[in-house]
Amino acid sequence: MEKYYPPKFKGKAFHCIHCGVYAKQKWLWLNYPTGANSNFRYSLCDHCYEKSYWYKEKMIVPFEAPVPPPHTDIPQRCISEYNEARDIVARSPRAAAALLRLCIQKLMSELGEKGKNINEDIGELVKKGLPIEVQQALDFCRVIGNNAVHPGEIELSDNPDIAYSIFEMINFIVEDRITRPNKIASLYKTLPEGALNAITKRDNKE
């Protein structure tokens, strides 16, 4: 999975909020009719040539938090919640975290669990040998999502970066649980039939 570099004020290169491509950015001033510089600047993407407008070091157009797009292998039924959360997280981290909690719940079904109780589903995956890093990522999403829905110890309005981190966690889970196994399985199938049969025979010995 490609590392995501969020838009950054005066950044020389980052993932464009418009096209999603990591590209160089050209920075220019927006000037008053008199020719004097204003407090507004814009970055011009070297890939798609779209502009992002900034005011006092904050992106204001498009009004979208600098969080990564959904992983290319995220299940189709999870995409709508992910993208909706991405659209609103800058305005309401709590609402975005609640949507991502639903995204995780749907993802549990895709990982072979019931998809009704996230905590129980994580426990079942742990019994099946879930790596601790993935367990921690899932529990991070679960706990933050629960705090968004019910009063808790974490106030997302005061800590929006916590909500932003859920997007990264979800993409990490998809990479580990879906992308890597699929890639390995695809490569494994390219082995000669004789080798595959020998492996099957070896592993089926009493």
Protein backbone atom coordinates (compact mmCIF):
# COMPACT_ATOMS: atom_id res chain seq x y z
CA MET A 1 0.00 0.00 0.00
CA GLU A 2 1.40 3.39 -1.03
CA LYS A 3 2.18 5.75 1.81
CA TYR A 4 -0.25 8.65 1.90
CA TYR A 5 1.15 12.17 2.06
CA PRO A 6 -1.69 14.55 2.97
CA PRO A 7 -1.92 18.06 1.56
CA LYS A 8 0.31 20.43 3.52
CA PHE A 9 0.56 24.17 3.33
CA LYS A 10 3.46 25.16 1.05
CA GLY A 11 4.27 21.46 0.57
CA LYS A 12 6.39 20.83 -2.50
CA ALA A 13 4.58 17.54 -3.20
CA PHE A 14 1.68 15.62 -1.68
CA HIS A 15 -1.34 13.53 -2.64
CA CYS A 16 -3.64 15.86 -4.53
CA ILE A 17 -7.11 16.15 -2.97
CA HIS A 18 -8.62 16.21 -6.48
CA CYS A 19 -6.92 13.40 -8.40
CA GLY A 20 -5.41 11.42 -5.52
CA VAL A 21 -2.00 11.30 -7.23
CA TYR A 22 1.23 12.10 -5.38
CA ALA A 23 2.40 15.08 -7.40
CA LYS A 24 4.43 18.27 -7.26
CA GLN A 25 2.55 21.41 -6.27
CA LYS A 26 3.10 24.96 -7.47
CA TRP A 27 2.19 27.69 -4.97
CA LEU A 28 0.80 31.05 -6.07
CA TRP A 29 -0.78 34.07 -4.39
CA LEU A 30 -4.29 35.35 -4.93
CA ASN A 31 -3.89 39.09 -5.38
CA TYR A 32 -6.17 42.03 -4.75
CA PRO A 33 -7.16 44.13 -7.79
CA THR A 34 -4.46 46.57 -6.71
CA GLY A 35 -1.88 43.84 -7.17
CA ALA A 36 -1.16 43.46 -3.47
CA ASN A 37 -0.93 39.97 -2.01
CA SER A 38 -3.90 38.72 -0.01
CA ASN A 39 -3.90 36.09 2.73
CA PHE A 40 -5.15 33.59 0.18
CA ARG A 41 -2.90 31.23 -1.74
CA TYR A 42 -3.55 28.29 -4.00
CA SER A 43 -1.64 25.16 -4.91
CA LEU A 44 -1.65 23.95 -8.49
CA CYS A 45 -1.32 20.19 -8.99
CA ASP A 46 1.33 19.22 -11.53
CA HIS A 47 -0.69 16.13 -12.49
CA CYS A 48 -4.33 17.22 -12.88
CA TYR A 49 -3.80 21.02 -12.90
CA GLU A 50 -6.63 21.50 -10.41
CA LYS A 51 -6.31 24.21 -7.77
CA SER A 52 -6.71 23.96 -4.00
CA TYR A 53 -7.28 27.22 -2.17
CA TRP A 54 -5.74 28.00 1.21
CA TYR A 55 -6.31 30.71 3.81
CA LYS A 56 -3.83 31.25 6.62
CA GLU A 57 -2.26 27.80 6.12
CA LYS A 58 -5.59 25.93 6.01
CA MET A 59 -7.19 24.42 2.93
CA ILE A 60 -10.64 25.92 2.44
CA VAL A 61 -11.53 24.74 -1.10
CA PRO A 62 -12.17 21.91 -1.46
CA PHE A 63 -13.38 21.70 2.13
CA GLU A 64 -12.15 18.21 2.85
CA ALA A 65 -9.91 16.80 5.55
CA PRO A 66 -6.52 15.51 4.39
CA VAL A 67 -7.30 11.83 4.86
CA PRO A 68 -6.43 9.01 2.45
CA PRO A 69 -8.92 7.69 -0.12
CA PRO A 70 -10.28 4.17 0.41
CA HIS A 71 -7.90 1.29 -0.27
CA THR A 72 -8.32 -0.07 -3.78
CA ASP A 73 -9.27 -3.46 -2.31
CA ILE A 74 -11.79 -2.24 0.24
CA PRO A 75 -15.02 -4.25 -0.20
CA GLN A 76 -17.64 -2.51 -2.31
CA ARG A 77 -20.23 -2.51 0.47
CA CYS A 78 -17.85 -0.52 2.71
CA ILE A 79 -17.00 2.26 0.26
CA SER A 80 -20.06 4.48 0.71
CA GLU A 81 -19.56 4.87 4.47
CA TYR A 82 -15.83 5.47 4.01
CA ASN A 83 -16.32 8.17 1.39
CA GLU A 84 -19.18 9.83 3.24
CA ALA A 85 -17.02 9.97 6.37
CA ARG A 86 -14.20 11.44 4.30
CA ASP A 87 -16.51 14.18 3.02
CA ILE A 88 -17.67 15.30 6.48
CA VAL A 89 -14.77 14.58 8.86
CA ALA A 90 -13.45 18.15 8.68
CA ARG A 91 -16.85 19.48 9.76
CA SER A 92 -17.83 16.73 12.19
CA PRO A 93 -15.18 14.25 13.39
CA ARG A 94 -17.82 12.54 15.59
CA ALA A 95 -20.19 11.92 12.69
CA ALA A 96 -17.32 10.63 10.55
CA ALA A 97 -16.13 8.26 13.29
CA ALA A 98 -19.66 6.91 13.67
CA LEU A 99 -19.84 6.22 9.93
CA LEU A 100 -16.45 4.51 10.02
CA ARG A 101 -17.69 2.32 12.87
CA LEU A 102 -20.42 1.11 10.51
CA CYS A 103 -17.77 0.62 7.82
CA ILE A 104 -15.79 -1.62 10.22
CA GLN A 105 -18.94 -3.56 11.10
CA LYS A 106 -19.54 -4.31 7.42
CA LEU A 107 -15.86 -5.20 7.01
CA MET A 108 -16.22 -7.82 9.75
CA SER A 109 -18.73 -9.69 7.56
CA GLU A 110 -16.27 -9.57 4.67
CA LEU A 111 -13.66 -11.13 6.95
CA GLY A 112 -15.91 -14.09 7.68
CA GLU A 113 -17.51 -12.97 10.94
CA LYS A 114 -21.14 -12.24 11.84
CA GLY A 115 -20.86 -8.49 11.53
CA LYS A 116 -23.32 -7.80 14.37
CA ASN A 117 -21.05 -7.19 17.35
CA ILE A 118 -17.64 -5.78 16.45
CA ASN A 119 -16.08 -6.65 19.80
CA GLU A 120 -17.16 -10.30 19.57
CA ASP A 121 -16.03 -10.49 15.94
CA ILE A 122 -12.57 -9.22 16.85
CA GLY A 123 -12.40 -11.82 19.62
CA GLU A 124 -13.23 -14.58 17.13
CA LEU A 125 -10.56 -13.36 14.73
CA VAL A 126 -8.01 -13.34 17.56
CA LYS A 127 -8.87 -16.99 18.29
CA LYS A 128 -8.12 -17.73 14.63
CA GLY A 129 -4.65 -16.19 14.89
CA LEU A 130 -5.22 -12.54 14.04
CA PRO A 131 -1.89 -10.64 14.27
CA ILE A 132 -1.74 -8.30 17.24
CA GLU A 133 -1.16 -5.26 15.00
CA VAL A 134 -4.43 -5.88 13.17
CA GLN A 135 -6.27 -6.57 16.45
CA GLN A 136 -5.04 -3.25 17.81
CA ALA A 137 -6.06 -1.43 14.63
CA LEU A 138 -9.55 -2.95 14.80
CA ASP A 139 -9.97 -2.15 18.48
CA PHE A 140 -8.76 1.39 17.85
CA CYS A 141 -11.52 1.87 15.27
CA ARG A 142 -14.09 0.16 17.51
CA VAL A 143 -13.35 2.20 20.65
CA ILE A 144 -13.17 5.55 18.83
CA GLY A 145 -16.35 4.72 16.92
CA ASN A 146 -18.16 3.79 20.14
CA ASN A 147 -17.12 7.09 21.71
CA ALA A 148 -18.59 8.89 18.71
CA VAL A 149 -21.96 7.17 19.15
CA HIS A 150 -22.11 7.09 22.97
CA PRO A 151 -20.69 9.51 25.55
CA GLY A 152 -17.16 8.40 26.42
CA GLU A 153 -13.76 9.53 27.58
CA ILE A 154 -12.60 10.69 24.15
CA GLU A 155 -13.90 14.03 22.85
CA LEU A 156 -13.39 13.91 19.09
CA SER A 157 -14.31 17.55 18.60
CA ASP A 158 -11.22 18.45 20.60
CA ASN A 159 -9.07 15.76 19.00
CA PRO A 160 -9.98 15.59 15.28
CA ASP A 161 -6.65 13.93 14.44
CA ILE A 162 -7.90 10.82 16.25
CA ALA A 163 -10.84 10.59 13.85
CA TYR A 164 -8.49 11.17 10.90
CA SER A 165 -6.41 8.18 12.05
CA ILE A 166 -9.34 5.77 11.65
CA PHE A 167 -9.12 6.11 7.86
CA GLU A 168 -5.48 5.03 7.95
CA MET A 169 -6.31 2.12 10.26
CA ILE A 170 -9.08 0.84 7.97
CA ASN A 171 -6.77 0.91 4.96
CA PHE A 172 -4.11 -0.94 6.96
CA ILE A 173 -6.63 -3.65 7.91
CA VAL A 174 -7.74 -4.08 4.30
CA GLU A 175 -4.11 -4.30 3.14
CA ASP A 176 -3.27 -6.99 5.72
CA ARG A 177 -6.47 -9.07 5.64
CA ILE A 178 -7.47 -8.80 1.95
CA THR A 179 -4.75 -7.45 -0.34
CA ARG A 180 -1.77 -9.47 0.87
CA PRO A 181 -3.59 -12.84 1.05
CA ASN A 182 -5.06 -12.29 -2.42
CA LYS A 183 -1.63 -11.44 -3.85
CA ILE A 184 0.00 -14.49 -2.27
CA ALA A 185 -2.83 -16.77 -3.45
CA SER A 186 -2.53 -15.38 -6.97
CA LEU A 187 1.23 -16.01 -7.07
CA TYR A 188 0.82 -19.47 -5.54
CA LYS A 189 -1.55 -20.51 -8.33
CA THR A 190 1.20 -19.83 -10.89
CA LEU A 191 3.24 -22.79 -9.58
CA PRO A 192 3.38 -25.84 -11.87
CA GLU A 193 0.55 -28.32 -11.37
CA GLY A 194 3.00 -31.03 -10.37
CA ALA A 195 4.42 -28.86 -7.60
CA LEU A 196 0.93 -27.99 -6.35
CA ASN A 197 -0.07 -31.66 -6.26
CA ALA A 198 3.11 -32.55 -4.37
CA ILE A 199 2.40 -29.87 -1.79
CA THR A 200 -1.17 -31.08 -1.37
CA LYS A 201 0.04 -34.66 -0.94
CA ARG A 202 2.63 -33.58 1.60
CA ASP A 203 0.13 -31.64 3.70
CA ASN A 204 -2.53 -34.36 3.58
CA LYS A 205 -0.29 -37.03 5.09
CA GLU A 206 -1.68 -38.61 8.22
